[in-house]
Amino acid sequence: MTTQKILITPRSLSDLTHPALEILRSAGYEVTGSTPGQTPGEEELISLMDGTVGWLAGVEPISEHVLDKAHDLKAISRNGTGVDNIDLAAAERHQIKILRAQGTNARGVAELTFGMMLGLGRSITSIDHKLKQGEWTRRKGFELENRILGIVGCGLIGQMVTRMALAMGMKVIAYDAYPNESFNPGSDFSFVALDELLGKSDVVTFHCPPTDKPILNATTIATMKDGAMVINTARATLVEDEALLEALNSLKLSGYATDVFRVEPPGNVPLVLHDRVIATTHIGGFTSESVDRATETAVKNLVDFLTRQ
């Protein structure tokens, strides 16, 4: 009998040494991987499909063409929550089950968001860079206490960010397409409409799924407070890069921090190189704890599903 394969493609697991993967090996599966440290492309993924019954996947695009070649595949288990990188219609057509590791990286993303907020408010990365080039530069920052934080998307991550912000003395307003009215962490928190959030917030942070069109564009940015800051650890398509760049250059916005890009790596694009931008390499869930939680959950989801087949 041919050994069935489990494909591992998240960059954080590309060396195939994570202890949780031993559960798959112990269950009798052959664990295979894509090129270590790289996001696999369509051609490489197709070459790995033969004999693969389960796939522990990251954020790499999983297209219809790949799934059309995945004749043995029964399930894709994400080491996270988002599945917009997967052609869900093609997966359904081929009866491939999609499994999610709900909430496992929430703490890591929430803490990165708050780190970005502090970094923007005090220009930490920009000043550090200039000092290392021999320039003694001082840029006046601001304190977070009594500032208004606007959270777009108040699921598990947004709720964690809310609690952190309230502990720092901020006031928090949130917009969610399906607000959880039972979430009521205090008198300094409330749900509001999106346009009200954009108009009132000193800092806007995104923790929502992708939308049909960017939430932030030239029109919506014009309604924001002068000097507001924007943080995006969710999806690159939530913002319009050109409009953000223009707003930063005019000082309409005082800073932007992002962990997500339309193309990764993004290359030397003007927005990434701007001295009022903090850009990180999609590290929101890339902590020891988040990787462990996500991997363990994704493996469990995969084994539980395949065992029932």
Protein backbone atom coordinates (compact mmCIF):
# COMPACT_ATOMS: atom_id res chain seq x y z
CA MET A 1 0.00 0.00 0.00
CA THR A 2 1.38 3.41 -0.99
CA THR A 3 2.00 5.75 1.94
CA GLN A 4 -0.35 8.70 1.91
CA LYS A 5 1.24 12.14 1.99
CA ILE A 6 0.60 15.26 4.03
CA LEU A 7 1.96 18.42 2.41
CA ILE A 8 3.32 21.21 4.66
CA THR A 9 3.69 24.63 3.02
CA PRO A 10 3.67 27.43 5.68
CA ARG A 11 7.06 29.18 5.70
CA SER A 12 7.24 28.89 9.50
CA LEU A 13 7.11 25.09 9.20
CA SER A 14 9.19 24.63 6.07
CA ASP A 15 12.00 22.73 7.82
CA LEU A 16 9.44 20.04 8.78
CA THR A 17 10.87 19.77 12.31
CA HIS A 18 7.99 21.11 14.40
CA PRO A 19 7.14 18.53 17.10
CA ALA A 20 3.43 18.56 16.19
CA LEU A 21 4.26 17.12 12.77
CA GLU A 22 5.33 13.91 14.52
CA ILE A 23 1.64 13.26 15.14
CA LEU A 24 1.19 12.97 11.38
CA ARG A 25 4.17 10.66 11.01
CA SER A 26 2.98 8.51 13.91
CA ALA A 27 -0.40 8.22 12.20
CA GLY A 28 1.37 6.67 9.21
CA TYR A 29 1.54 9.62 6.85
CA GLU A 30 4.58 10.72 4.86
CA VAL A 31 5.22 14.39 5.64
CA THR A 32 6.46 16.39 2.65
CA GLY A 33 7.17 20.06 2.17
CA SER A 34 7.71 22.80 -0.36
CA THR A 35 10.97 24.73 -0.82
CA PRO A 36 12.11 25.79 2.70
CA GLY A 37 11.66 29.46 3.56
CA GLN A 38 9.79 30.34 0.39
CA THR A 39 6.16 30.82 -0.57
CA PRO A 40 5.50 28.08 -3.14
CA GLY A 41 4.15 29.04 -6.53
CA GLU A 42 1.54 27.28 -8.60
CA GLU A 43 3.97 25.14 -10.58
CA GLU A 44 5.70 23.82 -7.46
CA LEU A 45 2.39 23.10 -5.73
CA ILE A 46 1.12 21.10 -8.69
CA SER A 47 4.32 19.04 -8.64
CA LEU A 48 3.62 18.10 -5.00
CA MET A 49 -0.02 17.06 -5.37
CA ASP A 50 0.44 13.42 -6.39
CA GLY A 51 -0.46 11.19 -3.44
CA THR A 52 -1.21 14.15 -1.15
CA VAL A 53 -4.37 13.46 0.86
CA GLY A 54 -3.97 16.28 3.38
CA TRP A 55 -2.47 19.74 3.13
CA LEU A 56 -1.39 21.93 6.05
CA ALA A 57 -1.39 25.27 4.25
CA GLY A 58 -0.25 28.82 4.95
CA VAL A 59 -1.04 32.02 3.07
CA GLU A 60 0.23 30.90 -0.33
CA PRO A 61 -2.31 31.23 -3.17
CA ILE A 62 -4.16 27.95 -3.79
CA SER A 63 -5.71 28.31 -7.20
CA GLU A 64 -8.32 26.41 -9.15
CA HIS A 65 -5.56 25.09 -11.42
CA VAL A 66 -3.71 23.59 -8.44
CA LEU A 67 -6.87 22.02 -7.02
CA ASP A 68 -7.78 20.59 -10.42
CA LYS A 69 -4.52 18.60 -10.21
CA ALA A 70 -5.04 17.52 -6.60
CA HIS A 71 -6.75 14.22 -7.40
CA ASP A 72 -6.01 12.60 -4.03
CA LEU A 73 -6.56 15.63 -1.79
CA LYS A 74 -9.31 15.34 0.84
CA ALA A 75 -8.65 18.32 3.12
CA ILE A 76 -6.76 21.60 3.42
CA SER A 77 -6.04 22.60 7.01
CA ARG A 78 -5.05 26.26 7.46
CA ASN A 79 -2.64 27.21 10.24
CA GLY A 80 -4.77 30.30 10.74
CA THR A 81 -8.25 31.65 10.14
CA GLY A 82 -8.21 33.37 6.74
CA VAL A 83 -9.04 31.34 3.65
CA ASP A 84 -9.22 34.07 1.01
CA ASN A 85 -6.01 32.64 -0.50
CA ILE A 86 -7.93 29.48 -1.42
CA ASP A 87 -10.26 29.11 -4.41
CA LEU A 88 -13.18 27.96 -2.28
CA ALA A 89 -15.47 27.26 -5.22
CA ALA A 90 -12.90 24.90 -6.74
CA ALA A 91 -12.37 23.22 -3.37
CA GLU A 92 -16.11 22.64 -2.99
CA ARG A 93 -16.38 21.31 -6.53
CA HIS A 94 -13.66 18.75 -5.79
CA GLN A 95 -15.17 18.00 -2.35
CA ILE A 96 -12.03 19.15 -0.54
CA LYS A 97 -12.75 20.06 3.08
CA ILE A 98 -11.41 23.39 4.35
CA LEU A 99 -10.36 23.40 8.02
CA ARG A 100 -9.38 26.48 10.05
CA ALA A 101 -7.25 26.99 13.16
CA GLN A 102 -9.57 29.61 14.62
CA GLY A 103 -8.03 32.22 16.91
CA THR A 104 -4.65 30.55 17.32
CA ASN A 105 -2.58 33.54 16.18
CA ALA A 106 -4.83 36.22 17.66
CA ARG A 107 -2.55 37.11 20.57
CA GLY A 108 0.50 37.49 18.33
CA VAL A 109 -1.34 39.75 15.89
CA ALA A 110 -2.86 41.83 18.70
CA GLU A 111 0.52 42.40 20.36
CA LEU A 112 2.15 43.32 17.04
CA THR A 113 -0.67 45.81 16.44
CA PHE A 114 -0.02 47.47 19.77
CA GLY A 115 3.72 47.48 19.13
CA MET A 116 3.09 49.22 15.82
CA MET A 117 0.87 51.77 17.53
CA LEU A 118 3.60 52.65 20.01
CA GLY A 119 6.20 52.64 17.25
CA LEU A 120 4.21 55.08 15.10
CA GLY A 121 3.28 57.34 18.01
CA ARG A 122 6.93 57.85 18.95
CA SER A 123 8.53 57.43 15.46
CA ILE A 124 10.72 54.70 16.95
CA THR A 125 11.84 52.97 13.77
CA SER A 126 12.47 56.19 11.84
CA ILE A 127 14.52 57.78 14.61
CA ASP A 128 16.47 54.57 15.17
CA HIS A 129 17.30 54.39 11.47
CA LYS A 130 18.49 57.99 11.34
CA LEU A 131 20.57 57.65 14.50
CA LYS A 132 22.36 54.64 13.05
CA GLN A 133 23.18 56.80 10.03
CA GLY A 134 24.73 59.40 12.32
CA GLU A 135 21.77 61.80 12.42
CA TRP A 136 20.49 63.13 15.75
CA THR A 137 16.81 63.61 14.94
CA ARG A 138 13.97 64.29 17.35
CA ARG A 139 10.33 64.07 16.32
CA LYS A 140 7.64 65.01 18.82
CA GLY A 141 5.35 62.09 19.56
CA PHE A 142 2.12 61.71 21.47
CA GLU A 143 0.85 59.63 24.37
CA LEU A 144 -1.94 57.10 23.93
CA GLU A 145 -3.92 57.98 27.05
CA ASN A 146 -7.31 59.55 26.15
CA ARG A 147 -6.70 59.00 22.42
CA ILE A 148 -9.44 57.33 20.39
CA LEU A 149 -8.66 53.98 18.80
CA GLY A 150 -10.92 52.85 15.96
CA ILE A 151 -11.02 49.10 15.39
CA VAL A 152 -12.39 47.87 12.06
CA GLY A 153 -13.34 44.26 12.70
CA CYS A 154 -13.98 43.35 16.32
CA GLY A 155 -13.58 39.60 16.39
CA LEU A 156 -11.10 37.82 18.65
CA ILE A 157 -8.10 39.92 17.56
CA GLY A 158 -10.02 43.19 17.71
CA GLN A 159 -11.29 42.32 21.17
CA MET A 160 -7.76 41.61 22.40
CA VAL A 161 -6.54 44.92 20.98
CA THR A 162 -9.50 46.63 22.65
CA ARG A 163 -8.57 45.33 26.09
CA MET A 164 -4.92 46.34 25.63
CA ALA A 165 -5.97 49.83 24.55
CA LEU A 166 -8.37 50.30 27.45
CA ALA A 167 -5.60 49.24 29.85
CA MET A 168 -3.48 52.06 28.39
CA GLY A 169 -6.22 54.60 29.05
CA MET A 170 -7.46 54.88 25.46
CA LYS A 171 -11.06 55.17 24.36
CA VAL A 172 -12.10 52.55 21.82
CA ILE A 173 -14.76 52.60 19.13
CA ALA A 174 -15.30 49.63 16.86
CA TYR A 175 -17.08 48.78 13.63
CA ASP A 176 -18.03 45.23 12.73
CA ALA A 177 -20.36 44.02 10.01
CA TYR A 178 -21.81 41.57 12.56
CA PRO A 179 -21.11 43.14 15.95
CA ASN A 180 -21.02 40.91 19.02
CA GLU A 181 -23.27 42.96 21.28
CA SER A 182 -22.30 40.80 24.26
CA PHE A 183 -18.76 42.20 24.06
CA ASN A 184 -18.88 45.12 26.49
CA PRO A 185 -15.49 45.64 28.15
CA GLY A 186 -16.32 48.99 29.72
CA SER A 187 -17.76 52.46 29.41
CA ASP A 188 -14.87 53.63 27.19
CA PHE A 189 -15.87 51.17 24.45
CA SER A 190 -18.73 51.32 21.94
CA PHE A 191 -19.74 50.02 18.52
CA VAL A 192 -20.25 52.74 15.88
CA ALA A 193 -20.82 53.07 12.15
CA LEU A 194 -17.75 52.93 9.91
CA ASP A 195 -17.96 56.56 8.78
CA GLU A 196 -18.18 57.72 12.40
CA LEU A 197 -15.17 55.59 13.31
CA LEU A 198 -13.04 57.04 10.51
CA GLY A 199 -14.02 60.59 11.42
CA LYS A 200 -13.32 60.32 15.14
CA SER A 201 -10.30 58.04 15.50
CA ASP A 202 -6.74 59.11 16.25
CA VAL A 203 -5.62 55.61 15.27
CA VAL A 204 -7.45 53.21 12.94
CA THR A 205 -6.51 49.52 12.96
CA PHE A 206 -7.85 46.79 10.66
CA HIS A 207 -8.79 43.31 11.89
CA CYS A 208 -11.44 42.32 9.37
CA PRO A 209 -11.71 40.01 6.34
CA PRO A 210 -11.07 41.38 2.84
CA THR A 211 -13.76 43.57 1.34
CA ASP A 212 -14.97 44.04 -2.24
CA LYS A 213 -13.11 47.34 -2.49
CA PRO A 214 -10.60 49.21 -0.29
CA ILE A 215 -12.06 50.74 2.86
CA LEU A 216 -9.42 53.46 2.84
CA ASN A 217 -9.18 55.46 -0.36
CA ALA A 218 -8.77 59.14 -1.19
CA THR A 219 -12.41 59.87 -0.35
CA THR A 220 -12.53 58.12 3.01
CA ILE A 221 -9.08 59.35 4.06
CA ALA A 222 -10.33 62.91 3.52
CA THR A 223 -12.93 62.34 6.25
CA MET A 224 -10.34 61.28 8.83
CA LYS A 225 -8.73 63.41 11.53
CA ASP A 226 -5.67 65.34 10.43
CA GLY A 227 -2.60 63.50 11.70
CA ALA A 228 -4.38 60.18 12.27
CA MET A 229 -2.43 56.92 12.07
CA VAL A 230 -3.39 53.68 10.32
CA ILE A 231 -2.38 50.10 11.17
CA ASN A 232 -3.04 47.13 8.91
CA THR A 233 -2.26 43.59 10.07
CA ALA A 234 -5.28 42.13 8.22
CA ARG A 235 -5.28 42.33 4.41
CA ALA A 236 -3.41 44.60 1.99
CA THR A 237 -6.50 45.09 -0.17
CA LEU A 238 -8.29 46.96 2.64
CA VAL A 239 -6.31 50.09 1.76
CA GLU A 240 -5.43 51.91 -1.44
CA ASP A 241 -1.66 52.31 -1.44
CA GLU A 242 -1.51 55.38 -3.70
CA ALA A 243 -4.03 57.28 -1.59
CA LEU A 244 -2.16 56.37 1.60
CA LEU A 245 1.13 57.56 0.13
CA GLU A 246 -0.38 60.88 -0.90
CA ALA A 247 -1.91 61.32 2.57
CA LEU A 248 1.44 60.63 4.25
CA ASN A 249 3.26 63.09 1.97
CA SER A 250 0.70 65.82 2.71
CA LEU A 251 0.76 64.94 6.45
CA LYS A 252 -2.97 64.29 6.37
CA LEU A 253 -1.93 61.00 7.97
CA SER A 254 1.02 61.01 10.37
CA GLY A 255 1.92 57.36 9.98
CA TYR A 256 1.09 53.94 8.55
CA ALA A 257 2.13 50.51 9.77
CA THR A 258 1.54 47.35 7.77
CA ASP A 259 2.32 43.66 8.05
CA VAL A 260 0.57 42.72 4.79
CA PHE A 261 1.21 43.40 1.11
CA ARG A 262 -0.46 42.62 -2.20
CA VAL A 263 2.76 40.94 -3.32
CA GLU A 264 5.12 39.40 -0.77
CA PRO A 265 7.91 40.41 -0.68
CA PRO A 266 6.73 43.82 -1.94
CA GLY A 267 10.07 45.10 -3.27
CA ASN A 268 11.27 48.69 -3.00
CA VAL A 269 7.92 50.38 -3.46
CA PRO A 270 7.51 54.03 -2.32
CA LEU A 271 5.02 53.25 0.45
CA VAL A 272 7.32 50.71 2.10
CA LEU A 273 10.31 53.07 1.86
CA HIS A 274 8.46 56.08 3.34
CA ASP A 275 10.00 57.30 6.60
CA ARG A 276 6.56 57.51 8.24
CA VAL A 277 5.79 53.87 7.48
CA ILE A 278 6.59 50.83 9.58
CA ALA A 279 6.60 47.72 7.39
CA THR A 280 7.07 44.20 8.69
CA THR A 281 7.36 40.88 6.87
CA HIS A 282 3.97 39.28 7.65
CA ILE A 283 5.03 38.42 11.20
CA GLY A 284 1.71 38.93 12.99
CA GLY A 285 1.29 35.27 13.85
CA PHE A 286 5.00 34.50 13.73
CA THR A 287 5.71 34.03 17.42
CA SER A 288 6.80 30.83 19.09
CA GLU A 289 3.50 30.61 20.92
CA SER A 290 1.29 31.42 17.92
CA VAL A 291 3.15 29.01 15.63
CA ASP A 292 2.81 26.25 18.21
CA ARG A 293 -0.90 26.85 18.77
CA ALA A 294 -1.66 27.15 15.06
CA THR A 295 0.37 24.09 14.09
CA GLU A 296 -1.04 21.89 16.84
CA THR A 297 -4.60 22.91 15.97
CA ALA A 298 -4.10 22.53 12.22
CA VAL A 299 -2.56 19.07 12.69
CA LYS A 300 -5.35 17.98 15.02
CA ASN A 301 -8.01 19.24 12.62
CA LEU A 302 -6.38 17.35 9.76
CA VAL A 303 -5.91 14.04 11.62
CA ASP A 304 -9.42 14.16 13.08
CA PHE A 305 -10.94 14.72 9.64
CA LEU A 306 -8.88 12.13 7.77
CA THR A 307 -9.49 9.55 10.48
CA ARG A 308 -13.24 9.87 9.94
CA GLN A 309 -12.95 9.25 6.18
